[in-house]
């Protein structure tokens, strides 16, 4: 385990809420007591996630994350993304550095659908998870 337990616990909680497939490759490296603690967090903080997207023009876009939805509507908001910072539950969790590329933001109402956003950046997300878990 390379990083502190809060990051591991909160990462596990966040991804089990929005896309459990993301954490499956790392489950054997997460201590059981952190999984139990993560389940407590998910029961009380299931609406407390947000992201900040940094574009290649160094613009910052902040959104709440919808952790429950698996469907989204494209509003045609295409952004050249270079970094995504994830906050859960209201504290900085970690950031994902992305080889700059255009991403269509998957909206659900006024939030971003975490399930599809994280699928869109799965390669970079796996690298970040590998480092943090």
N, C-alpha and C. Protein backbone atom coordinates (compact mmCIF):
# COMPACT_ATOMS: atom_id res chain seq x y z
N UNK A 1 0.85 -1.17 0.00
CA UNK A 1 0.00 0.00 0.00
C UNK A 1 0.89 1.23 0.00
N UNK A 2 0.78 2.06 -1.04
CA UNK A 2 1.69 3.18 -1.20
C UNK A 2 1.17 4.47 -0.57
N UNK A 3 -0.10 4.67 -0.53
CA UNK A 3 -0.64 5.95 -0.08
C UNK A 3 -1.44 5.79 1.20
N UNK A 4 -1.90 6.91 1.76
CA UNK A 4 -2.58 6.84 3.04
C UNK A 4 -3.93 6.15 2.95
N UNK A 5 -4.39 5.69 4.07
CA UNK A 5 -5.62 4.90 4.12
C UNK A 5 -6.86 5.72 3.78
N UNK A 6 -6.87 7.01 4.06
CA UNK A 6 -8.03 7.83 3.70
C UNK A 6 -8.25 7.83 2.20
N UNK A 7 -7.18 7.96 1.44
CA UNK A 7 -7.30 7.96 -0.02
C UNK A 7 -7.82 6.61 -0.51
N UNK A 8 -7.30 5.54 0.03
CA UNK A 8 -7.73 4.20 -0.37
C UNK A 8 -9.20 4.00 -0.04
N UNK A 9 -9.58 4.32 1.17
CA UNK A 9 -10.97 4.15 1.62
C UNK A 9 -11.93 4.98 0.78
N UNK A 10 -11.60 6.25 0.59
CA UNK A 10 -12.50 7.14 -0.15
C UNK A 10 -12.55 6.78 -1.64
N UNK A 11 -11.44 6.34 -2.20
CA UNK A 11 -11.43 5.90 -3.59
C UNK A 11 -12.32 4.68 -3.77
N UNK A 12 -12.17 3.73 -2.89
CA UNK A 12 -13.00 2.53 -2.96
C UNK A 12 -14.48 2.90 -2.82
N UNK A 13 -14.80 3.77 -1.87
CA UNK A 13 -16.19 4.19 -1.68
C UNK A 13 -16.74 4.87 -2.93
N UNK A 14 -15.99 5.80 -3.49
CA UNK A 14 -16.44 6.54 -4.66
C UNK A 14 -16.71 5.60 -5.84
N UNK A 15 -15.78 4.72 -6.14
CA UNK A 15 -15.94 3.88 -7.32
C UNK A 15 -16.94 2.76 -7.12
N UNK A 16 -17.18 2.33 -5.90
CA UNK A 16 -18.24 1.34 -5.71
C UNK A 16 -19.61 1.99 -5.89
N UNK A 17 -19.70 3.29 -5.65
CA UNK A 17 -20.96 3.99 -5.88
C UNK A 17 -21.24 4.19 -7.37
N UNK A 18 -20.23 4.54 -8.14
CA UNK A 18 -20.49 4.92 -9.53
C UNK A 18 -20.14 3.85 -10.55
N UNK A 19 -19.13 3.05 -10.31
CA UNK A 19 -18.70 2.04 -11.29
C UNK A 19 -17.81 1.01 -10.61
N UNK A 20 -18.41 0.01 -9.97
CA UNK A 20 -17.63 -0.99 -9.23
C UNK A 20 -16.59 -1.72 -10.07
N UNK A 21 -16.79 -1.78 -11.37
CA UNK A 21 -15.82 -2.46 -12.24
C UNK A 21 -14.44 -1.82 -12.15
N UNK A 22 -14.40 -0.51 -11.87
CA UNK A 22 -13.12 0.20 -11.83
C UNK A 22 -12.20 -0.30 -10.73
N UNK A 23 -12.76 -0.72 -9.63
CA UNK A 23 -11.93 -1.09 -8.48
C UNK A 23 -11.66 -2.60 -8.41
N UNK A 24 -12.35 -3.39 -9.22
CA UNK A 24 -12.17 -4.85 -9.16
C UNK A 24 -10.72 -5.30 -9.32
N UNK A 25 -9.94 -4.74 -10.26
CA UNK A 25 -8.55 -5.20 -10.39
C UNK A 25 -7.68 -4.91 -9.16
N UNK A 26 -8.15 -4.03 -8.29
CA UNK A 26 -7.33 -3.61 -7.15
C UNK A 26 -7.85 -4.13 -5.81
N UNK A 27 -8.97 -4.86 -5.84
CA UNK A 27 -9.64 -5.26 -4.60
C UNK A 27 -8.73 -6.09 -3.68
N UNK A 28 -7.87 -6.90 -4.24
CA UNK A 28 -7.01 -7.74 -3.39
C UNK A 28 -5.97 -6.92 -2.63
N UNK A 29 -5.74 -5.68 -3.06
CA UNK A 29 -4.75 -4.82 -2.40
C UNK A 29 -5.36 -3.88 -1.37
N UNK A 30 -6.68 -3.96 -1.18
CA UNK A 30 -7.36 -3.09 -0.22
C UNK A 30 -7.65 -3.87 1.04
N UNK A 31 -7.16 -3.40 2.19
CA UNK A 31 -7.42 -4.11 3.45
C UNK A 31 -8.92 -4.18 3.76
N UNK A 32 -9.33 -5.28 4.39
CA UNK A 32 -10.75 -5.47 4.71
C UNK A 32 -11.31 -4.35 5.56
N UNK A 33 -10.53 -3.83 6.51
CA UNK A 33 -11.06 -2.77 7.36
C UNK A 33 -11.32 -1.48 6.56
N UNK A 34 -10.58 -1.27 5.48
CA UNK A 34 -10.83 -0.10 4.63
C UNK A 34 -12.10 -0.29 3.81
N UNK A 35 -12.38 -1.52 3.42
CA UNK A 35 -13.63 -1.81 2.70
C UNK A 35 -14.83 -1.58 3.60
N UNK A 36 -14.74 -2.02 4.84
CA UNK A 36 -15.83 -1.80 5.80
C UNK A 36 -16.04 -0.30 6.03
N UNK A 37 -14.96 0.44 6.22
CA UNK A 37 -15.06 1.89 6.41
C UNK A 37 -15.65 2.56 5.16
N UNK A 38 -15.28 2.08 3.98
CA UNK A 38 -15.80 2.65 2.74
C UNK A 38 -17.30 2.45 2.64
N UNK A 39 -17.79 1.32 3.10
CA UNK A 39 -19.24 1.06 3.06
C UNK A 39 -19.99 2.04 3.96
N UNK A 40 -19.40 2.43 5.07
CA UNK A 40 -20.01 3.45 5.93
C UNK A 40 -20.03 4.80 5.23
N UNK A 41 -18.97 5.13 4.54
CA UNK A 41 -18.90 6.39 3.81
C UNK A 41 -19.95 6.42 2.70
N UNK A 42 -20.09 5.33 1.97
CA UNK A 42 -21.05 5.32 0.86
C UNK A 42 -22.48 5.50 1.34
N UNK A 43 -22.77 5.06 2.55
CA UNK A 43 -24.14 5.19 3.05
C UNK A 43 -24.49 6.62 3.45
N UNK A 44 -23.48 7.45 3.68
CA UNK A 44 -23.77 8.82 4.14
C UNK A 44 -23.31 9.91 3.19
N UNK A 45 -22.49 9.59 2.20
CA UNK A 45 -21.92 10.62 1.32
C UNK A 45 -22.15 10.35 -0.16
N UNK A 46 -23.27 9.74 -0.51
CA UNK A 46 -23.47 9.34 -1.89
C UNK A 46 -23.76 10.50 -2.84
N UNK A 47 -23.81 11.73 -2.34
CA UNK A 47 -24.02 12.89 -3.22
C UNK A 47 -22.93 13.93 -3.03
N UNK A 48 -21.81 13.55 -2.46
CA UNK A 48 -20.79 14.54 -2.10
C UNK A 48 -19.54 14.45 -2.96
N UNK A 49 -19.69 14.13 -4.24
CA UNK A 49 -18.53 14.03 -5.11
C UNK A 49 -18.56 15.15 -6.15
N UNK A 50 -17.38 15.62 -6.49
CA UNK A 50 -17.29 16.65 -7.54
C UNK A 50 -15.96 16.48 -8.26
N UNK A 51 -15.85 17.18 -9.39
CA UNK A 51 -14.62 17.16 -10.17
C UNK A 51 -14.29 18.56 -10.64
N UNK A 52 -13.02 18.75 -10.92
CA UNK A 52 -12.56 19.96 -11.60
C UNK A 52 -11.79 19.49 -12.82
N UNK A 53 -12.23 19.95 -13.96
CA UNK A 53 -11.60 19.59 -15.22
C UNK A 53 -10.74 20.75 -15.67
N UNK A 54 -9.49 20.47 -15.97
CA UNK A 54 -8.57 21.49 -16.49
C UNK A 54 -8.40 21.25 -17.98
N UNK A 55 -8.62 22.32 -18.75
CA UNK A 55 -8.50 22.22 -20.20
C UNK A 55 -7.07 22.55 -20.62
N UNK A 56 -6.78 22.35 -21.89
CA UNK A 56 -5.44 22.67 -22.38
C UNK A 56 -5.20 24.17 -22.40
N UNK A 57 -6.28 24.95 -22.33
CA UNK A 57 -6.14 26.41 -22.24
C UNK A 57 -6.02 26.88 -20.80
N UNK A 58 -5.85 25.93 -19.86
CA UNK A 58 -5.78 26.20 -18.42
C UNK A 58 -7.06 26.79 -17.85
N UNK A 59 -8.19 26.50 -18.49
CA UNK A 59 -9.49 26.87 -17.93
C UNK A 59 -9.92 25.77 -16.96
N UNK A 60 -10.62 26.18 -15.91
CA UNK A 60 -11.10 25.24 -14.90
C UNK A 60 -12.62 25.15 -14.99
N UNK A 61 -13.14 23.91 -15.04
CA UNK A 61 -14.58 23.67 -15.07
C UNK A 61 -14.91 22.76 -13.91
N UNK A 62 -15.83 23.19 -13.04
CA UNK A 62 -16.18 22.40 -11.88
C UNK A 62 -17.60 21.88 -12.00
N UNK A 63 -17.78 20.61 -11.63
CA UNK A 63 -19.07 19.96 -11.73
C UNK A 63 -19.28 19.04 -10.53
N UNK A 64 -20.55 18.88 -10.16
CA UNK A 64 -20.90 17.81 -9.23
C UNK A 64 -20.94 16.52 -10.02
N UNK A 65 -20.65 15.42 -9.36
CA UNK A 65 -20.71 14.11 -9.99
C UNK A 65 -21.98 13.40 -9.57
N UNK A 66 -22.70 12.87 -10.52
CA UNK A 66 -23.84 12.00 -10.24
C UNK A 66 -23.28 10.59 -10.16
N UNK A 67 -23.33 10.00 -8.98
CA UNK A 67 -22.74 8.69 -8.76
C UNK A 67 -23.71 7.54 -9.00
N UNK A 68 -24.99 7.86 -9.20
CA UNK A 68 -25.99 6.80 -9.32
C UNK A 68 -26.41 6.52 -10.76
N UNK A 69 -26.39 7.51 -11.61
CA UNK A 69 -26.89 7.36 -12.97
C UNK A 69 -25.95 6.53 -13.84
N UNK A 70 -26.54 5.79 -14.76
CA UNK A 70 -25.77 5.04 -15.74
C UNK A 70 -26.11 5.50 -17.16
N UNK A 71 -26.96 6.50 -17.26
CA UNK A 71 -27.32 7.07 -18.56
C UNK A 71 -27.03 8.55 -18.53
N UNK A 72 -26.82 9.12 -19.70
CA UNK A 72 -26.52 10.54 -19.76
C UNK A 72 -27.02 11.13 -21.06
N UNK A 73 -27.00 12.44 -21.10
CA UNK A 73 -27.37 13.18 -22.30
C UNK A 73 -26.16 14.00 -22.73
N UNK A 74 -25.82 13.89 -23.99
CA UNK A 74 -24.74 14.71 -24.52
C UNK A 74 -25.30 16.08 -24.86
N UNK A 75 -24.67 17.11 -24.32
CA UNK A 75 -25.08 18.48 -24.63
C UNK A 75 -24.13 19.11 -25.63
N UNK A 76 -23.26 18.30 -26.19
CA UNK A 76 -22.30 18.82 -27.16
C UNK A 76 -21.20 19.66 -26.55
N UNK A 77 -20.98 19.49 -25.25
CA UNK A 77 -19.88 20.20 -24.58
C UNK A 77 -18.61 19.37 -24.70
N UNK A 78 -17.83 19.70 -25.71
CA UNK A 78 -16.57 19.01 -25.95
C UNK A 78 -15.46 19.88 -25.40
N UNK A 79 -14.63 19.31 -24.55
CA UNK A 79 -13.55 20.06 -23.92
C UNK A 79 -12.24 19.31 -24.15
N UNK A 80 -11.20 20.07 -24.50
CA UNK A 80 -9.85 19.51 -24.56
C UNK A 80 -9.37 19.38 -23.13
N UNK A 81 -9.33 18.17 -22.63
CA UNK A 81 -9.02 17.91 -21.22
C UNK A 81 -7.56 17.50 -21.07
N UNK A 82 -6.93 18.05 -20.01
CA UNK A 82 -5.57 17.60 -19.68
C UNK A 82 -5.46 17.06 -18.26
N UNK A 83 -6.42 17.39 -17.39
CA UNK A 83 -6.38 16.89 -16.02
C UNK A 83 -7.77 16.92 -15.42
N UNK A 84 -8.04 15.92 -14.59
CA UNK A 84 -9.29 15.86 -13.84
C UNK A 84 -8.92 15.68 -12.37
N UNK A 85 -9.42 16.57 -11.53
CA UNK A 85 -9.23 16.45 -10.08
C UNK A 85 -10.53 15.94 -9.48
N UNK A 86 -10.44 14.93 -8.63
CA UNK A 86 -11.62 14.31 -8.04
C UNK A 86 -11.69 14.66 -6.57
N UNK A 87 -12.88 15.07 -6.13
CA UNK A 87 -13.13 15.43 -4.73
C UNK A 87 -14.24 14.52 -4.19
N UNK A 88 -13.94 13.87 -3.06
CA UNK A 88 -14.94 13.02 -2.40
C UNK A 88 -14.46 12.67 -1.02
N UNK A 89 -15.23 12.71 0.01
CA UNK A 89 -16.45 13.50 0.13
C UNK A 89 -16.13 14.94 0.52
N UNK A 90 -15.93 15.77 -0.36
CA UNK A 90 -15.63 17.20 -0.20
C UNK A 90 -14.15 17.51 0.07
N UNK A 91 -13.29 16.54 -0.06
CA UNK A 91 -11.85 16.79 0.05
C UNK A 91 -11.18 16.23 -1.21
N UNK A 92 -10.03 16.79 -1.55
CA UNK A 92 -9.31 16.34 -2.74
C UNK A 92 -8.93 14.87 -2.57
N UNK A 93 -9.32 14.06 -3.52
CA UNK A 93 -9.02 12.63 -3.46
C UNK A 93 -7.75 12.34 -4.25
N UNK A 94 -7.74 12.63 -5.54
CA UNK A 94 -6.55 12.53 -6.37
C UNK A 94 -6.84 13.17 -7.71
N UNK A 95 -5.80 13.26 -8.54
CA UNK A 95 -5.99 13.81 -9.88
C UNK A 95 -5.57 12.81 -10.92
N UNK A 96 -6.17 12.98 -12.09
CA UNK A 96 -5.87 12.11 -13.22
C UNK A 96 -5.27 12.99 -14.31
N UNK A 97 -4.02 12.72 -14.65
CA UNK A 97 -3.39 13.42 -15.76
C UNK A 97 -3.77 12.70 -17.05
N UNK A 98 -4.18 13.46 -18.03
CA UNK A 98 -4.68 12.90 -19.27
C UNK A 98 -3.86 13.42 -20.43
N UNK A 99 -3.48 12.52 -21.32
CA UNK A 99 -2.87 12.97 -22.56
C UNK A 99 -3.94 13.83 -23.23
N UNK A 100 -3.67 15.12 -23.44
CA UNK A 100 -4.74 16.03 -23.89
C UNK A 100 -5.53 15.48 -25.07
N UNK A 101 -6.84 15.45 -24.86
CA UNK A 101 -7.76 15.01 -25.90
C UNK A 101 -9.15 15.59 -25.63
N UNK A 102 -9.97 15.52 -26.65
CA UNK A 102 -11.33 16.04 -26.54
C UNK A 102 -12.21 14.98 -25.87
N UNK A 103 -12.99 15.43 -24.90
CA UNK A 103 -13.93 14.55 -24.21
C UNK A 103 -15.30 15.21 -24.23
N UNK A 104 -16.32 14.45 -24.59
CA UNK A 104 -17.70 14.91 -24.52
C UNK A 104 -18.17 14.69 -23.09
N UNK A 105 -18.55 15.75 -22.41
CA UNK A 105 -18.97 15.63 -21.01
C UNK A 105 -20.33 14.96 -20.93
N UNK A 106 -20.44 13.85 -20.18
CA UNK A 106 -21.69 13.10 -20.08
C UNK A 106 -22.60 13.67 -18.98
N UNK A 107 -23.51 14.53 -19.35
CA UNK A 107 -24.39 15.19 -18.38
C UNK A 107 -25.55 14.31 -17.97
N UNK A 108 -25.93 14.46 -16.71
CA UNK A 108 -27.19 13.97 -16.19
C UNK A 108 -27.76 15.14 -15.41
N UNK A 109 -28.78 15.78 -15.98
CA UNK A 109 -29.32 17.04 -15.47
C UNK A 109 -28.20 18.08 -15.44
N UNK A 110 -27.85 18.63 -14.27
CA UNK A 110 -26.79 19.64 -14.18
C UNK A 110 -25.48 19.08 -13.62
N UNK A 111 -25.41 17.79 -13.51
CA UNK A 111 -24.21 17.13 -13.00
C UNK A 111 -23.56 16.33 -14.13
N UNK A 112 -22.40 15.78 -13.84
CA UNK A 112 -21.71 14.91 -14.77
C UNK A 112 -21.92 13.46 -14.31
N UNK A 113 -22.24 12.60 -15.25
CA UNK A 113 -22.42 11.18 -14.97
C UNK A 113 -21.04 10.55 -14.72
N UNK A 114 -20.76 10.23 -13.47
CA UNK A 114 -19.45 9.69 -13.09
C UNK A 114 -19.16 8.37 -13.80
N UNK A 115 -20.16 7.54 -13.91
CA UNK A 115 -19.99 6.23 -14.53
C UNK A 115 -19.38 6.37 -15.93
N UNK A 116 -19.95 7.23 -16.77
CA UNK A 116 -19.48 7.36 -18.15
C UNK A 116 -18.24 8.23 -18.26
N UNK A 117 -18.12 9.25 -17.43
CA UNK A 117 -16.90 10.05 -17.46
C UNK A 117 -15.69 9.17 -17.15
N UNK A 118 -15.80 8.36 -16.11
CA UNK A 118 -14.68 7.51 -15.73
C UNK A 118 -14.43 6.41 -16.76
N UNK A 119 -15.46 5.96 -17.45
CA UNK A 119 -15.24 5.00 -18.54
C UNK A 119 -14.48 5.67 -19.68
N UNK A 120 -14.76 6.95 -19.92
CA UNK A 120 -14.09 7.68 -21.01
C UNK A 120 -12.60 7.90 -20.74
N UNK A 121 -12.22 7.89 -19.49
CA UNK A 121 -10.81 8.10 -19.13
C UNK A 121 -10.27 6.88 -18.39
N UNK A 122 -10.76 5.71 -18.75
CA UNK A 122 -10.43 4.48 -18.01
C UNK A 122 -8.94 4.18 -17.98
N UNK A 123 -8.24 4.38 -19.07
CA UNK A 123 -6.81 4.07 -19.10
C UNK A 123 -6.05 4.94 -18.10
N UNK A 124 -6.29 6.24 -18.13
CA UNK A 124 -5.61 7.15 -17.21
C UNK A 124 -6.06 6.91 -15.77
N UNK A 125 -7.33 6.58 -15.60
CA UNK A 125 -7.86 6.31 -14.27
C UNK A 125 -7.20 5.07 -13.68
N UNK A 126 -7.03 4.05 -14.48
CA UNK A 126 -6.35 2.83 -13.98
C UNK A 126 -4.93 3.12 -13.55
N UNK A 127 -4.23 3.99 -14.29
CA UNK A 127 -2.88 4.36 -13.89
C UNK A 127 -2.89 5.11 -12.55
N UNK A 128 -3.85 6.02 -12.39
CA UNK A 128 -3.96 6.76 -11.12
C UNK A 128 -4.31 5.83 -9.98
N UNK A 129 -5.23 4.90 -10.21
CA UNK A 129 -5.62 3.95 -9.17
C UNK A 129 -4.44 3.04 -8.80
N UNK A 130 -3.69 2.63 -9.80
CA UNK A 130 -2.54 1.78 -9.53
C UNK A 130 -1.55 2.49 -8.62
N UNK A 131 -1.38 3.77 -8.83
CA UNK A 131 -0.47 4.56 -7.98
C UNK A 131 -1.03 4.73 -6.57
N UNK A 132 -2.34 5.00 -6.45
CA UNK A 132 -2.94 5.30 -5.15
C UNK A 132 -3.30 4.06 -4.35
N UNK A 133 -3.57 2.97 -5.03
CA UNK A 133 -3.94 1.75 -4.31
C UNK A 133 -2.75 0.82 -4.29
